């Protein structure tokens, strides 16, 4: 789903993430171009649904909520979590400081 050729971490479904403030997404027929204005790094998101998930991250309580909103079925989630992990490793998405698992009450 991304151009990253290395193995990325899997994001935790209960964590809150968002698009990094220095990153802009430009929609493309294949998905989107992601450009980081700080690092000048260009990345490709090769799925429109992945773009939707990345955009949804900032408005949902956690990764699971963003995946739910975008209709990502359970069998597809490992691939999406890996793609999001690659985006996190590249600094394109970041953990949200305003919402963490430790802040939740059971």
PDB file of N, CA and C in Angstrom:
ATOM      1  N   UNK A   1       0.793  -1.194   0.000  1.00  0.00           N
ATOM      2  CA  UNK A   1       0.000   0.000   0.000  1.00  0.00           C
ATOM      3  C   UNK A   1       0.840   1.264   0.000  1.00  0.00           C
ATOM      4  N   UNK A   2       2.077   1.156   0.475  1.00  0.00           N
ATOM      5  CA  UNK A   2       3.016   2.273   0.407  1.00  0.00           C
ATOM      6  C   UNK A   2       4.264   1.791  -0.328  1.00  0.00           C
ATOM      7  N   UNK A   3       5.151   2.717  -0.616  1.00  0.00           N
ATOM      8  CA  UNK A   3       6.362   2.356  -1.354  1.00  0.00           C
ATOM      9  C   UNK A   3       7.436   1.763  -0.470  1.00  0.00           C
ATOM     10  N   UNK A   4       7.225   1.747   0.824  1.00  0.00           N
ATOM     11  CA  UNK A   4       8.240   1.247   1.740  1.00  0.00           C
ATOM     12  C   UNK A   4       8.488  -0.235   1.498  1.00  0.00           C
ATOM     13  N   UNK A   5       9.754  -0.604   1.306  1.00  0.00           N
ATOM     14  CA  UNK A   5      10.087  -1.988   1.036  1.00  0.00           C
ATOM     15  C   UNK A   5      10.526  -2.749   2.269  1.00  0.00           C
ATOM     16  N   UNK A   6      10.594  -2.096   3.416  1.00  0.00           N
ATOM     17  CA  UNK A   6      11.030  -2.755   4.639  1.00  0.00           C
ATOM     18  C   UNK A   6       9.837  -3.175   5.473  1.00  0.00           C
ATOM     19  N   UNK A   7      10.096  -4.049   6.432  1.00  0.00           N
ATOM     20  CA  UNK A   7       9.052  -4.483   7.331  1.00  0.00           C
ATOM     21  C   UNK A   7       8.820  -3.399   8.369  1.00  0.00           C
ATOM     22  N   UNK A   8       7.576  -2.965   8.489  1.00  0.00           N
ATOM     23  CA  UNK A   8       7.232  -1.907   9.437  1.00  0.00           C
ATOM     24  C   UNK A   8       6.538  -2.516  10.643  1.00  0.00           C
ATOM     25  N   UNK A   9       6.514  -1.756  11.693  1.00  0.00           N
ATOM     26  CA  UNK A   9       5.774  -2.189  12.875  1.00  0.00           C
ATOM     27  C   UNK A   9       4.281  -2.158  12.589  1.00  0.00           C
ATOM     28  N   UNK A  10       3.524  -2.904  13.365  1.00  0.00           N
ATOM     29  CA  UNK A  10       2.065  -2.857  13.278  1.00  0.00           C
ATOM     30  C   UNK A  10       1.574  -1.891  14.340  1.00  0.00           C
ATOM     31  N   UNK A  11       0.688  -0.996  13.956  1.00  0.00           N
ATOM     32  CA  UNK A  11       0.139  -0.073  14.939  1.00  0.00           C
ATOM     33  C   UNK A  11      -0.871  -0.792  15.812  1.00  0.00           C
ATOM     34  N   UNK A  12      -0.978  -0.339  17.035  1.00  0.00           N
ATOM     35  CA  UNK A  12      -1.951  -0.859  17.981  1.00  0.00           C
ATOM     36  C   UNK A  12      -3.313  -0.260  17.651  1.00  0.00           C
ATOM     37  N   UNK A  13      -4.336  -1.089  17.581  1.00  0.00           N
ATOM     38  CA  UNK A  13      -5.684  -0.622  17.244  1.00  0.00           C
ATOM     39  C   UNK A  13      -6.219   0.395  18.245  1.00  0.00           C
ATOM     40  N   UNK A  14      -5.738   0.367  19.474  1.00  0.00           N
ATOM     41  CA  UNK A  14      -6.238   1.252  20.511  1.00  0.00           C
ATOM     42  C   UNK A  14      -5.527   2.589  20.622  1.00  0.00           C
ATOM     43  N   UNK A  15      -4.513   2.819  19.803  1.00  0.00           N
ATOM     44  CA  UNK A  15      -3.774   4.070  19.852  1.00  0.00           C
ATOM     45  C   UNK A  15      -4.431   5.133  18.977  1.00  0.00           C
ATOM     46  N   UNK A  16      -4.208   6.385  19.344  1.00  0.00           N
ATOM     47  CA  UNK A  16      -4.721   7.514  18.564  1.00  0.00           C
ATOM     48  C   UNK A  16      -3.575   8.120  17.752  1.00  0.00           C
ATOM     49  N   UNK A  17      -3.772   8.251  16.451  1.00  0.00           N
ATOM     50  CA  UNK A  17      -2.766   8.790  15.536  1.00  0.00           C
ATOM     51  C   UNK A  17      -3.394   9.881  14.684  1.00  0.00           C
ATOM     52  N   UNK A  18      -2.551  10.649  14.015  1.00  0.00           N
ATOM     53  CA  UNK A  18      -3.016  11.675  13.097  1.00  0.00           C
ATOM     54  C   UNK A  18      -1.935  11.942  12.047  1.00  0.00           C
ATOM     55  N   UNK A  19      -2.314  12.581  10.984  1.00  0.00           N
ATOM     56  CA  UNK A  19      -1.360  12.994   9.962  1.00  0.00           C
ATOM     57  C   UNK A  19      -0.419  14.026  10.584  1.00  0.00           C
ATOM     58  N   UNK A  20       0.859  13.886  10.347  1.00  0.00           N
ATOM     59  CA  UNK A  20       1.829  14.843  10.879  1.00  0.00           C
ATOM     60  C   UNK A  20       1.534  16.238  10.332  1.00  0.00           C
ATOM     61  N   UNK A  21       1.786  17.235  11.159  1.00  0.00           N
ATOM     62  CA  UNK A  21       1.475  18.607  10.776  1.00  0.00           C
ATOM     63  C   UNK A  21       2.255  19.116   9.582  1.00  0.00           C
ATOM     64  N   UNK A  22       3.398  18.534   9.312  1.00  0.00           N
ATOM     65  CA  UNK A  22       4.232  18.978   8.195  1.00  0.00           C
ATOM     66  C   UNK A  22       3.936  18.231   6.901  1.00  0.00           C
ATOM     67  N   UNK A  23       2.923  17.351   6.934  1.00  0.00           N
ATOM     68  CA  UNK A  23       2.626  16.505   5.779  1.00  0.00           C
ATOM     69  C   UNK A  23       1.329  16.944   5.102  1.00  0.00           C
ATOM     70  N   UNK A  24       1.377  17.009   3.793  1.00  0.00           N
ATOM     71  CA  UNK A  24       0.184  17.284   2.977  1.00  0.00           C
ATOM     72  C   UNK A  24      -0.058  16.094   2.075  1.00  0.00           C
ATOM     73  N   UNK A  25      -1.328  15.761   1.894  1.00  0.00           N
ATOM     74  CA  UNK A  25      -1.722  14.690   0.973  1.00  0.00           C
ATOM     75  C   UNK A  25      -2.309  15.310  -0.281  1.00  0.00           C
ATOM     76  N   UNK A  26      -1.847  14.833  -1.428  1.00  0.00           N
ATOM     77  CA  UNK A  26      -2.412  15.273  -2.698  1.00  0.00           C
ATOM     78  C   UNK A  26      -3.091  14.074  -3.337  1.00  0.00           C
ATOM     79  N   UNK A  27      -4.408  14.137  -3.495  1.00  0.00           N
ATOM     80  CA  UNK A  27      -5.126  13.007  -4.090  1.00  0.00           C
ATOM     81  C   UNK A  27      -4.633  12.707  -5.508  1.00  0.00           C
ATOM     82  N   UNK A  28      -4.538  11.439  -5.820  1.00  0.00           N
ATOM     83  CA  UNK A  28      -4.147  10.951  -7.138  1.00  0.00           C
ATOM     84  C   UNK A  28      -5.051   9.772  -7.479  1.00  0.00           C
ATOM     85  N   UNK A  29      -5.162   9.400  -8.745  1.00  0.00           N
ATOM     86  CA  UNK A  29      -6.026   8.268  -9.112  1.00  0.00           C
ATOM     87  C   UNK A  29      -5.652   6.965  -8.391  1.00  0.00           C
ATOM     88  N   UNK A  30      -4.378   6.775  -8.071  1.00  0.00           N
ATOM     89  CA  UNK A  30      -3.931   5.543  -7.415  1.00  0.00           C
ATOM     90  C   UNK A  30      -4.078   5.608  -5.902  1.00  0.00           C
ATOM     91  N   UNK A  31      -4.265   6.783  -5.346  1.00  0.00           N
ATOM     92  CA  UNK A  31      -4.336   6.979  -3.904  1.00  0.00           C
ATOM     93  C   UNK A  31      -3.972   8.406  -3.563  1.00  0.00           C
ATOM     94  N   UNK A  32      -2.694   8.640  -3.201  1.00  0.00           N
ATOM     95  CA  UNK A  32      -2.249  10.007  -2.902  1.00  0.00           C
ATOM     96  C   UNK A  32      -0.732  10.083  -2.857  1.00  0.00           C
ATOM     97  N   UNK A  33      -0.245  11.290  -3.070  1.00  0.00           N
ATOM     98  CA  UNK A  33       1.147  11.622  -2.801  1.00  0.00           C
ATOM     99  C   UNK A  33       1.172  12.279  -1.435  1.00  0.00           C
ATOM    100  N   UNK A  34       2.107  11.882  -0.609  1.00  0.00           N
ATOM    101  CA  UNK A  34       2.282  12.484   0.710  1.00  0.00           C
ATOM    102  C   UNK A  34       3.629  13.189   0.701  1.00  0.00           C
ATOM    103  N   UNK A  35       3.606  14.477   0.975  1.00  0.00           N
ATOM    104  CA  UNK A  35       4.840  15.250   0.976  1.00  0.00           C
ATOM    105  C   UNK A  35       5.063  15.840   2.353  1.00  0.00           C
ATOM    106  N   UNK A  36       6.248  15.596   2.913  1.00  0.00           N
ATOM    107  CA  UNK A  36       6.618  16.143   4.206  1.00  0.00           C
ATOM    108  C   UNK A  36       7.466  17.387   3.957  1.00  0.00           C
ATOM    109  N   UNK A  37       6.956  18.539   4.341  1.00  0.00           N
ATOM    110  CA  UNK A  37       7.637  19.796   4.095  1.00  0.00           C
ATOM    111  C   UNK A  37       8.883  19.977   4.963  1.00  0.00           C
ATOM    112  N   UNK A  38       9.001  19.249   6.070  1.00  0.00           N
ATOM    113  CA  UNK A  38      10.208  19.347   6.892  1.00  0.00           C
ATOM    114  C   UNK A  38      11.344  18.511   6.321  1.00  0.00           C
ATOM    115  N   UNK A  39      11.047  17.276   5.952  1.00  0.00           N
ATOM    116  CA  UNK A  39      12.101  16.388   5.461  1.00  0.00           C
ATOM    117  C   UNK A  39      12.237  16.428   3.941  1.00  0.00           C
ATOM    118  N   UNK A  40      11.255  17.019   3.282  1.00  0.00           N
ATOM    119  CA  UNK A  40      11.179  17.070   1.812  1.00  0.00           C
ATOM    120  C   UNK A  40      11.052  15.668   1.210  1.00  0.00           C
ATOM    121  N   UNK A  41      10.490  14.772   1.997  1.00  0.00           N
ATOM    122  CA  UNK A  41      10.314  13.392   1.565  1.00  0.00           C
ATOM    123  C   UNK A  41       8.948  13.216   0.896  1.00  0.00           C
ATOM    124  N   UNK A  42       8.951  12.535  -0.231  1.00  0.00           N
ATOM    125  CA  UNK A  42       7.737  12.244  -0.971  1.00  0.00           C
ATOM    126  C   UNK A  42       7.450  10.757  -0.861  1.00  0.00           C
ATOM    127  N   UNK A  43       6.224  10.419  -0.498  1.00  0.00           N
ATOM    128  CA  UNK A  43       5.809   9.019  -0.387  1.00  0.00           C
ATOM    129  C   UNK A  43       4.524   8.824  -1.168  1.00  0.00           C
ATOM    130  N   UNK A  44       4.282   7.590  -1.541  1.00  0.00           N
ATOM    131  CA  UNK A  44       3.078   7.241  -2.277  1.00  0.00           C
ATOM    132  C   UNK A  44       2.169   6.385  -1.417  1.00  0.00           C
ATOM    133  N   UNK A  45       0.916   6.759  -1.336  1.00  0.00           N
ATOM    134  CA  UNK A  45      -0.100   5.916  -0.719  1.00  0.00           C
ATOM    135  C   UNK A  45      -0.846   5.297  -1.882  1.00  0.00           C
ATOM    136  N   UNK A  46      -0.693   3.997  -2.048  1.00  0.00           N
ATOM    137  CA  UNK A  46      -1.167   3.320  -3.247  1.00  0.00           C
ATOM    138  C   UNK A  46      -2.562   2.736  -3.119  1.00  0.00           C
ATOM    139  N   UNK A  47      -3.368   3.318  -2.270  1.00  0.00           N
ATOM    140  CA  UNK A  47      -4.733   2.847  -2.083  1.00  0.00           C
ATOM    141  C   UNK A  47      -5.588   4.025  -1.648  1.00  0.00           C
ATOM    142  N   UNK A  48      -6.694   4.223  -2.317  1.00  0.00           N
ATOM    143  CA  UNK A  48      -7.608   5.308  -1.927  1.00  0.00           C
ATOM    144  C   UNK A  48      -8.169   5.060  -0.536  1.00  0.00           C
ATOM    145  N   UNK A  49      -8.421   3.793  -0.213  1.00  0.00           N
ATOM    146  CA  UNK A  49      -8.953   3.497   1.113  1.00  0.00           C
ATOM    147  C   UNK A  49      -7.913   3.807   2.192  1.00  0.00           C
ATOM    148  N   UNK A  50      -6.641   3.539   1.918  1.00  0.00           N
ATOM    149  CA  UNK A  50      -5.597   3.891   2.883  1.00  0.00           C
ATOM    150  C   UNK A  50      -5.575   5.398   3.105  1.00  0.00           C
ATOM    151  N   UNK A  51      -5.735   6.162   2.059  1.00  0.00           N
ATOM    152  CA  UNK A  51      -5.803   7.621   2.181  1.00  0.00           C
ATOM    153  C   UNK A  51      -6.977   8.001   3.079  1.00  0.00           C
ATOM    154  N   UNK A  52      -8.116   7.372   2.867  1.00  0.00           N
ATOM    155  CA  UNK A  52      -9.289   7.642   3.704  1.00  0.00           C
ATOM    156  C   UNK A  52      -9.010   7.320   5.166  1.00  0.00           C
ATOM    157  N   UNK A  53      -8.331   6.191   5.410  1.00  0.00           N
ATOM    158  CA  UNK A  53      -7.996   5.801   6.783  1.00  0.00           C
ATOM    159  C   UNK A  53      -7.064   6.841   7.406  1.00  0.00           C
ATOM    160  N   UNK A  54      -6.042   7.264   6.682  1.00  0.00           N
ATOM    161  CA  UNK A  54      -5.098   8.259   7.194  1.00  0.00           C
ATOM    162  C   UNK A  54      -5.832   9.555   7.526  1.00  0.00           C
ATOM    163  N   UNK A  55      -6.737   9.968   6.666  1.00  0.00           N
ATOM    164  CA  UNK A  55      -7.502  11.194   6.926  1.00  0.00           C
ATOM    165  C   UNK A  55      -8.421  11.023   8.137  1.00  0.00           C
ATOM    166  N   UNK A  56      -8.970   9.825   8.326  1.00  0.00           N
ATOM    167  CA  UNK A  56      -9.896   9.563   9.428  1.00  0.00           C
ATOM    168  C   UNK A  56      -9.188   9.467  10.778  1.00  0.00           C
ATOM    169  N   UNK A  57      -7.903   9.173  10.780  1.00  0.00           N
ATOM    170  CA  UNK A  57      -7.177   8.998  12.043  1.00  0.00           C
ATOM    171  C   UNK A  57      -7.324  10.190  12.987  1.00  0.00           C
ATOM    172  N   UNK A  58      -7.258  11.377  12.456  1.00  0.00           N
ATOM    173  CA  UNK A  58      -7.281  12.567  13.290  1.00  0.00           C
ATOM    174  C   UNK A  58      -8.604  12.838  13.968  1.00  0.00           C
ATOM    175  N   UNK A  59      -9.673  12.278  13.457  1.00  0.00           N
ATOM    176  CA  UNK A  59     -10.985  12.554  14.026  1.00  0.00           C
ATOM    177  C   UNK A  59     -11.575  11.375  14.797  1.00  0.00           C
ATOM    178  N   UNK A  60     -10.835  10.303  14.891  1.00  0.00           N
ATOM    179  CA  UNK A  60     -11.319   9.119  15.607  1.00  0.00           C
ATOM    180  C   UNK A  60     -10.536   8.934  16.901  1.00  0.00           C
ATOM    181  N   UNK A  61     -11.134   8.217  17.840  1.00  0.00           N
ATOM    182  CA  UNK A  61     -10.481   7.972  19.123  1.00  0.00           C
ATOM    183  C   UNK A  61      -9.261   7.072  19.006  1.00  0.00           C
ATOM    184  N   UNK A  62      -9.267   6.200  17.976  1.00  0.00           N
ATOM    185  CA  UNK A  62      -8.173   5.246  17.838  1.00  0.00           C
ATOM    186  C   UNK A  62      -8.123   4.715  16.413  1.00  0.00           C
ATOM    187  N   UNK A  63      -7.111   3.915  16.151  1.00  0.00           N
ATOM    188  CA  UNK A  63      -6.929   3.339  14.814  1.00  0.00           C
ATOM    189  C   UNK A  63      -8.120   2.462  14.441  1.00  0.00           C
ATOM    190  N   UNK A  64      -8.627   1.698  15.395  1.00  0.00           N
ATOM    191  CA  UNK A  64      -9.779   0.824  15.120  1.00  0.00           C
ATOM    192  C   UNK A  64     -10.967   1.632  14.623  1.00  0.00           C
ATOM    193  N   UNK A  65     -11.212   2.784  15.216  1.00  0.00           N
ATOM    194  CA  UNK A  65     -12.323   3.628  14.790  1.00  0.00           C
ATOM    195  C   UNK A  65     -12.154   4.126  13.367  1.00  0.00           C
ATOM    196  N   UNK A  66     -10.927   4.498  13.011  1.00  0.00           N
ATOM    197  CA  UNK A  66     -10.661   4.952  11.640  1.00  0.00           C
ATOM    198  C   UNK A  66     -10.871   3.806  10.643  1.00  0.00           C
ATOM    199  N   UNK A  67     -10.400   2.612  10.999  1.00  0.00           N
ATOM    200  CA  UNK A  67     -10.591   1.454  10.120  1.00  0.00           C
ATOM    201  C   UNK A  67     -12.077   1.118   9.984  1.00  0.00           C
ATOM    202  N   UNK A  68     -12.809   1.187  11.089  1.00  0.00           N
ATOM    203  CA  UNK A  68     -14.254   0.940  11.051  1.00  0.00           C
ATOM    204  C   UNK A  68     -14.944   1.945  10.134  1.00  0.00           C
ATOM    205  N   UNK A  69     -14.628   3.225  10.310  1.00  0.00           N
ATOM    206  CA  UNK A  69     -15.252   4.280   9.504  1.00  0.00           C
ATOM    207  C   UNK A  69     -15.032   4.078   8.009  1.00  0.00           C
ATOM    208  N   UNK A  70     -13.896   3.513   7.668  1.00  0.00           N
ATOM    209  CA  UNK A  70     -13.532   3.347   6.256  1.00  0.00           C
ATOM    210  C   UNK A  70     -13.893   1.975   5.710  1.00  0.00           C
ATOM    211  N   UNK A  71     -14.561   1.170   6.517  1.00  0.00           N
ATOM    212  CA  UNK A  71     -15.032  -0.130   6.043  1.00  0.00           C
ATOM    213  C   UNK A  71     -13.952  -1.166   5.837  1.00  0.00           C
ATOM    214  N   UNK A  72     -12.864  -1.079   6.594  1.00  0.00           N
ATOM    215  CA  UNK A  72     -11.782  -2.060   6.464  1.00  0.00           C
ATOM    216  C   UNK A  72     -12.168  -3.292   7.275  1.00  0.00           C
ATOM    217  N   UNK A  73     -12.374  -4.401   6.584  1.00  0.00           N
ATOM    218  CA  UNK A  73     -12.804  -5.650   7.213  1.00  0.00           C
ATOM    219  C   UNK A  73     -11.660  -6.280   8.005  1.00  0.00           C
ATOM    220  N   UNK A  74     -12.022  -7.106   8.965  1.00  0.00           N
ATOM    221  CA  UNK A  74     -11.039  -7.756   9.845  1.00  0.00           C
ATOM    222  C   UNK A  74      -9.915  -8.461   9.081  1.00  0.00           C
ATOM    223  N   UNK A  75     -10.203  -9.223   8.020  1.00  0.00           N
ATOM    224  CA  UNK A  75      -9.109  -9.903   7.309  1.00  0.00           C
ATOM    225  C   UNK A  75      -8.123  -8.942   6.633  1.00  0.00           C
ATOM    226  N   UNK A  76      -8.559  -7.720   6.342  1.00  0.00           N
ATOM    227  CA  UNK A  76      -7.700  -6.724   5.685  1.00  0.00           C
ATOM    228  C   UNK A  76      -6.868  -5.912   6.675  1.00  0.00           C
ATOM    229  N   UNK A  77      -7.233  -5.951   7.941  1.00  0.00           N
ATOM    230  CA  UNK A  77      -6.620  -5.054   8.928  1.00  0.00           C
ATOM    231  C   UNK A  77      -5.115  -5.241   9.102  1.00  0.00           C
ATOM    232  N   UNK A  78      -4.582  -6.458   9.113  1.00  0.00           N
ATOM    233  CA  UNK A  78      -3.124  -6.574   9.249  1.00  0.00           C
ATOM    234  C   UNK A  78      -2.355  -5.807   8.169  1.00  0.00           C
ATOM    235  N   UNK A  79      -2.833  -5.849   6.950  1.00  0.00           N
ATOM    236  CA  UNK A  79      -2.161  -5.121   5.865  1.00  0.00           C
ATOM    237  C   UNK A  79      -2.247  -3.615   6.094  1.00  0.00           C
ATOM    238  N   UNK A  80      -3.393  -3.137   6.549  1.00  0.00           N
ATOM    239  CA  UNK A  80      -3.548  -1.716   6.820  1.00  0.00           C
ATOM    240  C   UNK A  80      -2.705  -1.286   8.018  1.00  0.00           C
ATOM    241  N   UNK A  81      -2.650  -2.116   9.043  1.00  0.00           N
ATOM    242  CA  UNK A  81      -1.829  -1.796  10.215  1.00  0.00           C
ATOM    243  C   UNK A  81      -0.351  -1.741   9.843  1.00  0.00           C
ATOM    244  N   UNK A  82       0.073  -2.635   8.954  1.00  0.00           N
ATOM    245  CA  UNK A  82       1.462  -2.613   8.481  1.00  0.00           C
ATOM    246  C   UNK A  82       1.731  -1.351   7.665  1.00  0.00           C
ATOM    247  N   UNK A  83       0.789  -0.979   6.795  1.00  0.00           N
ATOM    248  CA  UNK A  83       0.952   0.233   5.992  1.00  0.00           C
ATOM    249  C   UNK A  83       0.993   1.467   6.892  1.00  0.00           C
ATOM    250  N   UNK A  84       0.117   1.517   7.888  1.00  0.00           N
ATOM    251  CA  UNK A  84       0.131   2.637   8.825  1.00  0.00           C
ATOM    252  C   UNK A  84       1.426   2.649   9.639  1.00  0.00           C
ATOM    253  N   UNK A  85       1.922   1.469   9.978  1.00  0.00           N
ATOM    254  CA  UNK A  85       3.194   1.377  10.679  1.00  0.00           C
ATOM    255  C   UNK A  85       4.332   1.942   9.849  1.00  0.00           C
ATOM    256  N   UNK A  86       4.321   1.654   8.557  1.00  0.00           N
ATOM    257  CA  UNK A  86       5.347   2.202   7.666  1.00  0.00           C
ATOM    258  C   UNK A  86       5.240   3.721   7.597  1.00  0.00           C
ATOM    259  N   UNK A  87       4.011   4.230   7.564  1.00  0.00           N
ATOM    260  CA  UNK A  87       3.828   5.683   7.559  1.00  0.00           C
ATOM    261  C   UNK A  87       4.306   6.298   8.874  1.00  0.00           C
ATOM    262  N   UNK A  88       4.059   5.603   9.979  1.00  0.00           N
ATOM    263  CA  UNK A  88       4.531   6.081  11.284  1.00  0.00           C
ATOM    264  C   UNK A  88       6.056   6.057  11.334  1.00  0.00           C
ATOM    265  N   UNK A  89       6.661   4.973  10.854  1.00  0.00           N
ATOM    266  CA  UNK A  89       8.122   4.873  10.840  1.00  0.00           C
ATOM    267  C   UNK A  89       8.749   5.988  10.003  1.00  0.00           C
ATOM    268  N   UNK A  90       8.048   6.399   8.950  1.00  0.00           N
ATOM    269  CA  UNK A  90       8.537   7.470   8.087  1.00  0.00           C
ATOM    270  C   UNK A  90       8.188   8.861   8.586  1.00  0.00           C
ATOM    271  N   UNK A  91       7.450   8.945   9.687  1.00  0.00           N
ATOM    272  CA  UNK A  91       7.091  10.242  10.247  1.00  0.00           C
ATOM    273  C   UNK A  91       5.917  10.922   9.576  1.00  0.00           C
ATOM    274  N   UNK A  92       5.229  10.212   8.694  1.00  0.00           N
ATOM    275  CA  UNK A  92       4.104  10.822   7.987  1.00  0.00           C
ATOM    276  C   UNK A  92       2.848  10.893   8.852  1.00  0.00           C
ATOM    277  N   UNK A  93       2.715   9.949   9.774  1.00  0.00           N
ATOM    278  CA  UNK A  93       1.666  10.044  10.781  1.00  0.00           C
ATOM    279  C   UNK A  93       2.349  10.016  12.137  1.00  0.00           C
ATOM    280  N   UNK A  94       1.681  10.568  13.130  1.00  0.00           N
ATOM    281  CA  UNK A  94       2.268  10.625  14.465  1.00  0.00           C
ATOM    282  C   UNK A  94       1.210  10.309  15.509  1.00  0.00           C
ATOM    283  N   UNK A  95       1.686   9.777  16.621  1.00  0.00           N
ATOM    284  CA  UNK A  95       0.797   9.478  17.744  1.00  0.00           C
ATOM    285  C   UNK A  95       0.248  10.805  18.255  1.00  0.00           C
ATOM    286  N   UNK A  96      -1.049  10.825  18.538  1.00  0.00           N
ATOM    287  CA  UNK A  96      -1.669  12.052  19.037  1.00  0.00           C
ATOM    288  C   UNK A  96      -1.371  12.228  20.515  1.00  0.00           C
ATOM    289  N   UNK A  97      -0.934  13.415  20.864  1.00  0.00           N
ATOM    290  CA  UNK A  97      -0.615  13.732  22.253  1.00  0.00           C
ATOM    291  C   UNK A  97      -1.878  14.001  23.061  1.00  0.00           C
ATOM    292  N   UNK A  98      -2.966  14.372  22.386  1.00  0.00           N
ATOM    293  CA  UNK A  98      -4.197  14.736  23.085  1.00  0.00           C
ATOM    294  C   UNK A  98      -5.029  13.538  23.518  1.00  0.00           C
ATOM    295  N   UNK A  99      -4.588  12.323  23.136  1.00  0.00           N
ATOM    296  CA  UNK A  99      -5.398  11.150  23.437  1.00  0.00           C
ATOM    297  C   UNK A  99      -4.499   9.930  23.491  1.00  0.00           C
ATOM    298  N   UNK A 100      -4.370   9.338  24.655  1.00  0.00           N
ATOM    299  CA  UNK A 100      -3.557   8.132  24.762  1.00  0.00           C
ATOM    300  C   UNK A 100      -4.322   7.071  25.510  1.00  0.00           C
ATOM    301  N   UNK A 101      -3.909   5.834  25.354  1.00  0.00           N
ATOM    302  CA  UNK A 101      -4.571   4.709  26.018  1.00  0.00           C
ATOM    303  C   UNK A 101      -4.559   4.874  27.528  1.00  0.00           C
ATOM    304  N   UNK A 102      -3.492   5.445  28.080  1.00  0.00           N
ATOM    305  CA  UNK A 102      -3.386   5.587  29.518  1.00  0.00           C
ATOM    306  C   UNK A 102      -4.432   6.556  30.063  1.00  0.00           C
ATOM    307  N   UNK A 103      -4.911   7.484  29.219  1.00  0.00           N
ATOM    308  CA  UNK A 103      -5.891   8.461  29.662  1.00  0.00           C
ATOM    309  C   UNK A 103      -7.297   7.905  29.743  1.00  0.00           C
ATOM    310  N   UNK A 104      -7.528   6.750  29.158  1.00  0.00           N
ATOM    311  CA  UNK A 104      -8.870   6.174  29.132  1.00  0.00           C
ATOM    312  C   UNK A 104      -9.217   5.530  30.458  1.00  0.00           C
ATOM    313  N   UNK A 105     -10.461   5.634  30.837  1.00  0.00           N
ATOM    314  CA  UNK A 105     -10.931   4.926  32.017  1.00  0.00           C
ATOM    315  C   UNK A 105     -11.643   3.664  31.574  1.00  0.00           C
ATOM    316  N   UNK A 106     -11.413   2.541  32.272  1.00  0.00           N
ATOM    317  CA  UNK A 106     -12.010   1.272  31.835  1.00  0.00           C
ATOM    318  C   UNK A 106     -13.501   1.220  31.957  1.00  0.00           C
TER     319      UNK A 106
END
